[in-house]
Amino acid sequence: MADAKTKAQSIIDENAVAVFSKSYCPYCNSSKRLLDSLGAKYKVVELDKVPDGSAIQDALEEISSQRTVPNIWIGKKHIGGNSDLQAKSGELKDLLAEVGAL
């Protein structure tokens, strides 16, 4: 678990935008579509495609108190899930520009 937590934290720290996702999740896909439509540069980790995905998901719950995906971080700040990201769509472009993700 410590390795997964370290890995999750470094992904969050090293990327302006980090999206922890599952490839088959419609909410995850909606979040990625929104980010793509704005031309955002982001790191996506498909938890169902990496060997330590479930450990990373457990670690994310420890870090953010959120177990569900997508689990989205912008500028090392936890945004939340898809509905949280969609709710920020008006200010998202500015937020992304601030962290250098556009």
Foldseek 3Di string as FASTA:
>chain_A
DVVLLVVLLVLLVVWQKEWEAAPPDPQQVLLVVLCVVLVFAYHYHHLVPDPCSVVNLVSVCVVPVDNDPGFMHGRSHTQGHSVSSVVCSVCVSVSRVVSPGD
